[in-house]
């Protein structure tokens, strides 16, 4: 029997993908540039989310600090933006390609 993922498991997996892309972007300028270009071409529909991602990719702001750490999903504290909205709009659609050996 297959295990159905809980909401929490899905959110943690999505956070892991966003964190992996973010860390690659910090270490590889071409990944950062690709992510910034993605944000320009594919805005999330929530400008405040896109601003958080742009700032994070420039190593600024609360999202950058959070993604650089190892805190779990429920450790995110922001007055108006839940983390699920932010990581759902991560600018790393091809992160799996960047991590292939």
C-alpha atoms as a PDB file:
ATOM      1  CA  UNK A   1       0.000   0.000   0.000  1.00  0.00           C
ATOM      2  CA  UNK A   2       1.285   3.452  -0.896  1.00  0.00           C
ATOM      3  CA  UNK A   3       1.756   6.030   1.820  1.00  0.00           C
ATOM      4  CA  UNK A   4      -0.279   9.183   1.226  1.00  0.00           C
ATOM      5  CA  UNK A   5       1.721  12.250   2.116  1.00  0.00           C
ATOM      6  CA  UNK A   6       0.357  14.503   4.781  1.00  0.00           C
ATOM      7  CA  UNK A   7       0.069  18.222   4.159  1.00  0.00           C
ATOM      8  CA  UNK A   8       3.031  18.757   6.463  1.00  0.00           C
ATOM      9  CA  UNK A   9       5.162  16.255   4.525  1.00  0.00           C
ATOM     10  CA  UNK A  10       4.316  17.943   1.214  1.00  0.00           C
ATOM     11  CA  UNK A  11       5.131  21.366   2.625  1.00  0.00           C
ATOM     12  CA  UNK A  12       8.467  20.160   4.002  1.00  0.00           C
ATOM     13  CA  UNK A  13       9.318  18.578   0.634  1.00  0.00           C
ATOM     14  CA  UNK A  14       8.432  21.800  -1.167  1.00  0.00           C
ATOM     15  CA  UNK A  15      10.530  23.779   1.318  1.00  0.00           C
ATOM     16  CA  UNK A  16      13.415  21.383   0.652  1.00  0.00           C
ATOM     17  CA  UNK A  17      13.186  22.045  -3.084  1.00  0.00           C
ATOM     18  CA  UNK A  18      13.083  25.809  -2.565  1.00  0.00           C
ATOM     19  CA  UNK A  19      15.975  25.643  -0.099  1.00  0.00           C
ATOM     20  CA  UNK A  20      18.038  23.500  -2.478  1.00  0.00           C
ATOM     21  CA  UNK A  21      17.483  25.942  -5.350  1.00  0.00           C
ATOM     22  CA  UNK A  22      18.250  28.902  -3.117  1.00  0.00           C
ATOM     23  CA  UNK A  23      21.505  27.377  -1.912  1.00  0.00           C
ATOM     24  CA  UNK A  24      22.549  26.588  -5.464  1.00  0.00           C
ATOM     25  CA  UNK A  25      21.744  30.161  -6.466  1.00  0.00           C
ATOM     26  CA  UNK A  26      23.956  31.456  -3.649  1.00  0.00           C
ATOM     27  CA  UNK A  27      26.876  29.335  -4.802  1.00  0.00           C
ATOM     28  CA  UNK A  28      26.428  29.580  -8.568  1.00  0.00           C
ATOM     29  CA  UNK A  29      25.820  32.997 -10.167  1.00  0.00           C
ATOM     30  CA  UNK A  30      24.373  31.433 -13.328  1.00  0.00           C
ATOM     31  CA  UNK A  31      21.666  29.720 -11.252  1.00  0.00           C
ATOM     32  CA  UNK A  32      20.900  33.005  -9.482  1.00  0.00           C
ATOM     33  CA  UNK A  33      20.642  34.800 -12.839  1.00  0.00           C
ATOM     34  CA  UNK A  34      18.369  32.069 -14.198  1.00  0.00           C
ATOM     35  CA  UNK A  35      16.125  32.311 -11.125  1.00  0.00           C
ATOM     36  CA  UNK A  36      15.936  36.107 -11.371  1.00  0.00           C
ATOM     37  CA  UNK A  37      15.045  35.854 -15.067  1.00  0.00           C
ATOM     38  CA  UNK A  38      12.373  33.270 -14.200  1.00  0.00           C
ATOM     39  CA  UNK A  39      10.830  35.689 -11.705  1.00  0.00           C
ATOM     40  CA  UNK A  40      10.688  38.391 -14.358  1.00  0.00           C
ATOM     41  CA  UNK A  41       9.057  36.123 -16.945  1.00  0.00           C
ATOM     42  CA  UNK A  42       6.727  34.290 -14.537  1.00  0.00           C
ATOM     43  CA  UNK A  43       5.492  36.597 -11.777  1.00  0.00           C
ATOM     44  CA  UNK A  44       3.580  34.789  -9.065  1.00  0.00           C
ATOM     45  CA  UNK A  45       0.565  37.091  -9.040  1.00  0.00           C
ATOM     46  CA  UNK A  46       1.594  38.266  -5.579  1.00  0.00           C
ATOM     47  CA  UNK A  47       4.136  41.064  -5.994  1.00  0.00           C
ATOM     48  CA  UNK A  48       5.116  40.898  -2.326  1.00  0.00           C
ATOM     49  CA  UNK A  49       6.162  37.251  -2.785  1.00  0.00           C
ATOM     50  CA  UNK A  50       8.225  38.096  -5.851  1.00  0.00           C
ATOM     51  CA  UNK A  51       9.946  40.906  -3.931  1.00  0.00           C
ATOM     52  CA  UNK A  52      10.857  38.453  -1.145  1.00  0.00           C
ATOM     53  CA  UNK A  53      12.373  36.060  -3.690  1.00  0.00           C
ATOM     54  CA  UNK A  54      14.316  38.802  -5.493  1.00  0.00           C
ATOM     55  CA  UNK A  55      15.717  40.064  -2.204  1.00  0.00           C
ATOM     56  CA  UNK A  56      16.559  36.517  -1.082  1.00  0.00           C
ATOM     57  CA  UNK A  57      18.442  35.876  -4.318  1.00  0.00           C
ATOM     58  CA  UNK A  58      20.478  38.985  -3.543  1.00  0.00           C
ATOM     59  CA  UNK A  59      21.180  37.593  -0.030  1.00  0.00           C
ATOM     60  CA  UNK A  60      18.871  40.098   1.644  1.00  0.00           C
ATOM     61  CA  UNK A  61      15.785  39.941   3.804  1.00  0.00           C
ATOM     62  CA  UNK A  62      13.992  37.429   6.024  1.00  0.00           C
ATOM     63  CA  UNK A  63      13.508  34.788   3.333  1.00  0.00           C
ATOM     64  CA  UNK A  64      17.238  34.680   2.648  1.00  0.00           C
ATOM     65  CA  UNK A  65      17.954  34.183   6.345  1.00  0.00           C
ATOM     66  CA  UNK A  66      15.298  31.491   6.686  1.00  0.00           C
ATOM     67  CA  UNK A  67      16.368  29.524   3.605  1.00  0.00           C
ATOM     68  CA  UNK A  68      20.036  29.695   4.590  1.00  0.00           C
ATOM     69  CA  UNK A  69      19.193  27.955   7.875  1.00  0.00           C
ATOM     70  CA  UNK A  70      17.735  24.563   8.620  1.00  0.00           C
ATOM     71  CA  UNK A  71      14.507  25.500  10.368  1.00  0.00           C
ATOM     72  CA  UNK A  72      11.380  23.503   9.693  1.00  0.00           C
ATOM     73  CA  UNK A  73       8.397  24.883   7.797  1.00  0.00           C
ATOM     74  CA  UNK A  74       6.502  25.939  10.918  1.00  0.00           C
ATOM     75  CA  UNK A  75       9.393  28.142  12.117  1.00  0.00           C
ATOM     76  CA  UNK A  76       8.632  30.818   9.473  1.00  0.00           C
ATOM     77  CA  UNK A  77       7.156  33.916  11.054  1.00  0.00           C
ATOM     78  CA  UNK A  78       5.857  36.667   8.821  1.00  0.00           C
ATOM     79  CA  UNK A  79       3.003  38.964   9.603  1.00  0.00           C
ATOM     80  CA  UNK A  80       1.147  38.573   6.302  1.00  0.00           C
ATOM     81  CA  UNK A  81       2.740  35.938   4.078  1.00  0.00           C
ATOM     82  CA  UNK A  82       2.513  32.240   4.899  1.00  0.00           C
ATOM     83  CA  UNK A  83       5.547  30.229   3.824  1.00  0.00           C
ATOM     84  CA  UNK A  84       3.404  27.872   1.732  1.00  0.00           C
ATOM     85  CA  UNK A  85       2.581  30.790  -0.614  1.00  0.00           C
ATOM     86  CA  UNK A  86       6.222  31.753  -0.875  1.00  0.00           C
ATOM     87  CA  UNK A  87       7.730  28.331  -1.567  1.00  0.00           C
ATOM     88  CA  UNK A  88       4.922  27.469  -3.977  1.00  0.00           C
ATOM     89  CA  UNK A  89       6.222  30.358  -6.089  1.00  0.00           C
ATOM     90  CA  UNK A  90       9.896  29.446  -5.935  1.00  0.00           C
ATOM     91  CA  UNK A  91      11.879  30.440  -9.049  1.00  0.00           C
ATOM     92  CA  UNK A  92      13.687  27.109  -9.448  1.00  0.00           C
ATOM     93  CA  UNK A  93      11.580  25.076 -11.893  1.00  0.00           C
ATOM     94  CA  UNK A  94      14.621  23.175 -13.174  1.00  0.00           C
ATOM     95  CA  UNK A  95      16.376  22.542  -9.869  1.00  0.00           C
ATOM     96  CA  UNK A  96      16.413  18.800 -10.568  1.00  0.00           C
ATOM     97  CA  UNK A  97      18.488  19.387 -13.731  1.00  0.00           C
ATOM     98  CA  UNK A  98      21.043  21.488 -11.867  1.00  0.00           C
ATOM     99  CA  UNK A  99      21.632  18.760  -9.316  1.00  0.00           C
ATOM    100  CA  UNK A 100      22.201  15.843 -11.700  1.00  0.00           C
ATOM    101  CA  UNK A 101      25.731  14.469 -11.569  1.00  0.00           C
END
